[in-house]
C-alpha atoms as a PDB file:
ATOM      1  CA  MET A   1    -106.927-238.936 169.168  1.00  0.00           C
ATOM      2  CA  GLU A   2    -110.406-240.438 169.357  1.00  0.00           C
ATOM      3  CA  HIS A   3    -112.541-240.516 166.215  1.00  0.00           C
ATOM      4  CA  GLU A   4    -115.689-238.394 166.269  1.00  0.00           C
ATOM      5  CA  PHE A   5    -118.672-240.518 165.327  1.00  0.00           C
ATOM      6  CA  GLN A   6    -121.858-239.125 163.784  1.00  0.00           C
ATOM      7  CA  LEU A   7    -125.475-240.184 163.931  1.00  0.00           C
ATOM      8  CA  ASN A   8    -126.338-242.719 161.177  1.00  0.00           C
ATOM      9  CA  ASP A   9    -122.702-243.724 160.573  1.00  0.00           C
ATOM     10  CA  VAL A  10    -122.364-247.351 159.484  1.00  0.00           C
ATOM     11  CA  VAL A  11    -119.436-248.971 161.284  1.00  0.00           C
ATOM     12  CA  GLU A  12    -117.679-252.323 161.261  1.00  0.00           C
ATOM     13  CA  MET A  13    -116.968-253.870 164.648  1.00  0.00           C
ATOM     14  CA  LYS A  14    -114.002-256.112 165.488  1.00  0.00           C
ATOM     15  CA  LYS A  15    -116.237-259.089 166.297  1.00  0.00           C
ATOM     16  CA  PRO A  16    -119.275-260.093 164.215  1.00  0.00           C
ATOM     17  CA  HIS A  17    -122.783-260.233 165.666  1.00  0.00           C
ATOM     18  CA  PRO A  18    -124.159-263.772 166.263  1.00  0.00           C
ATOM     19  CA  CYS A  19    -126.462-263.301 163.240  1.00  0.00           C
ATOM     20  CA  GLY A  20    -123.332-263.235 161.063  1.00  0.00           C
ATOM     21  CA  THR A  21    -123.121-259.601 159.976  1.00  0.00           C
ATOM     22  CA  ASN A  22    -120.452-257.116 161.005  1.00  0.00           C
ATOM     23  CA  LYS A  23    -122.188-253.854 159.988  1.00  0.00           C
ATOM     24  CA  TRP A  24    -123.832-251.641 162.610  1.00  0.00           C
ATOM     25  CA  LYS A  25    -125.625-248.280 162.305  1.00  0.00           C
ATOM     26  CA  ILE A  26    -125.254-245.633 165.020  1.00  0.00           C
ATOM     27  CA  ILE A  27    -128.757-244.593 166.094  1.00  0.00           C
ATOM     28  CA  ARG A  28    -128.015-242.662 169.335  1.00  0.00           C
ATOM     29  CA  LEU A  29    -125.055-240.602 170.529  1.00  0.00           C
ATOM     30  CA  GLY A  30    -124.234-239.352 174.005  1.00  0.00           C
ATOM     31  CA  MET A  31    -122.259-240.737 176.926  1.00  0.00           C
ATOM     32  CA  ASP A  32    -123.465-244.084 175.603  1.00  0.00           C
ATOM     33  CA  ILE A  33    -123.827-245.085 171.962  1.00  0.00           C
ATOM     34  CA  ARG A  34    -126.738-247.174 170.687  1.00  0.00           C
ATOM     35  CA  ILE A  35    -125.982-249.207 167.594  1.00  0.00           C
ATOM     36  CA  LYS A  36    -128.349-251.328 165.497  1.00  0.00           C
ATOM     37  CA  CYS A  37    -127.296-254.489 163.664  1.00  0.00           C
ATOM     38  CA  GLU A  38    -127.827-254.122 159.913  1.00  0.00           C
ATOM     39  CA  GLY A  39    -128.594-257.845 159.620  1.00  0.00           C
ATOM     40  CA  CYS A  40    -131.191-258.610 162.291  1.00  0.00           C
ATOM     41  CA  GLU A  41    -132.123-255.086 163.526  1.00  0.00           C
ATOM     42  CA  HIS A  42    -131.065-255.880 167.134  1.00  0.00           C
ATOM     43  CA  SER A  43    -129.894-252.779 169.030  1.00  0.00           C
ATOM     44  CA  VAL A  44    -127.230-252.544 171.723  1.00  0.00           C
ATOM     45  CA  LEU A  45    -126.357-249.679 174.086  1.00  0.00           C
ATOM     46  CA  ILE A  46    -122.663-249.503 175.018  1.00  0.00           C
ATOM     47  CA  PRO A  47    -120.493-246.863 176.708  1.00  0.00           C
ATOM     48  CA  ARG A  48    -118.675-244.528 174.295  1.00  0.00           C
ATOM     49  CA  LYS A  49    -115.240-245.580 175.561  1.00  0.00           C
ATOM     50  CA  GLU A  50    -116.007-249.278 175.058  1.00  0.00           C
ATOM     51  CA  PHE A  51    -117.489-248.556 171.606  1.00  0.00           C
ATOM     52  CA  ALA A  52    -114.323-246.702 170.545  1.00  0.00           C
ATOM     53  CA  ARG A  53    -112.278-249.750 171.575  1.00  0.00           C
ATOM     54  CA  LYS A  54    -114.500-252.259 169.755  1.00  0.00           C
ATOM     55  CA  VAL A  55    -115.026-250.416 166.456  1.00  0.00           C
ATOM     56  CA  LYS A  56    -112.793-251.460 163.562  1.00  0.00           C
ATOM     57  CA  LYS A  57    -113.629-248.793 160.967  1.00  0.00           C
ATOM     58  CA  VAL A  58    -116.315-246.413 159.735  1.00  0.00           C
ATOM     59  CA  LEU A  59    -117.819-247.762 156.503  1.00  0.00           C
ATOM     60  CA  SER A  60    -119.997-244.770 155.628  1.00  0.00           C
ATOM     61  CA  THR A  61    -121.272-241.498 156.998  1.00  0.00           C
ATOM     62  CA  PRO A  62    -124.525-239.662 156.212  1.00  0.00           C
ATOM     63  CA  GLY A  63    -124.271-237.865 152.880  1.00  0.00           C
ATOM     64  CA  ASP A  64    -121.192-239.877 151.894  1.00  0.00           C
ATOM     65  CA  ASP A  65    -121.153-242.090 148.796  1.00  0.00           C
ATOM     66  CA  ARG A  66    -118.526-244.597 149.937  1.00  0.00           C
ATOM     67  CA  GLU A  67    -121.011-247.023 151.533  1.00  0.00           C
ATOM     68  CA  GLU A  68    -120.066-250.655 150.886  1.00  0.00           C
ATOM     69  CA  LYS A  69    -122.802-252.840 149.411  1.00  0.00           C
END
């Protein structure tokens, strides 16, 4: 079963961004998902299916207090 992602979730991807960070924030949902790097603010638009394959885990969701510092 595929995980349901929410707007403003912070996720960890399997591969780090070239800037060195591995944390991304979901800023757009639809057929494609736009994510923004938490390190350098670069944004990437990828298909939902590809995103689901590349995501490692959800670090935090809006209104959740388990965000990693």
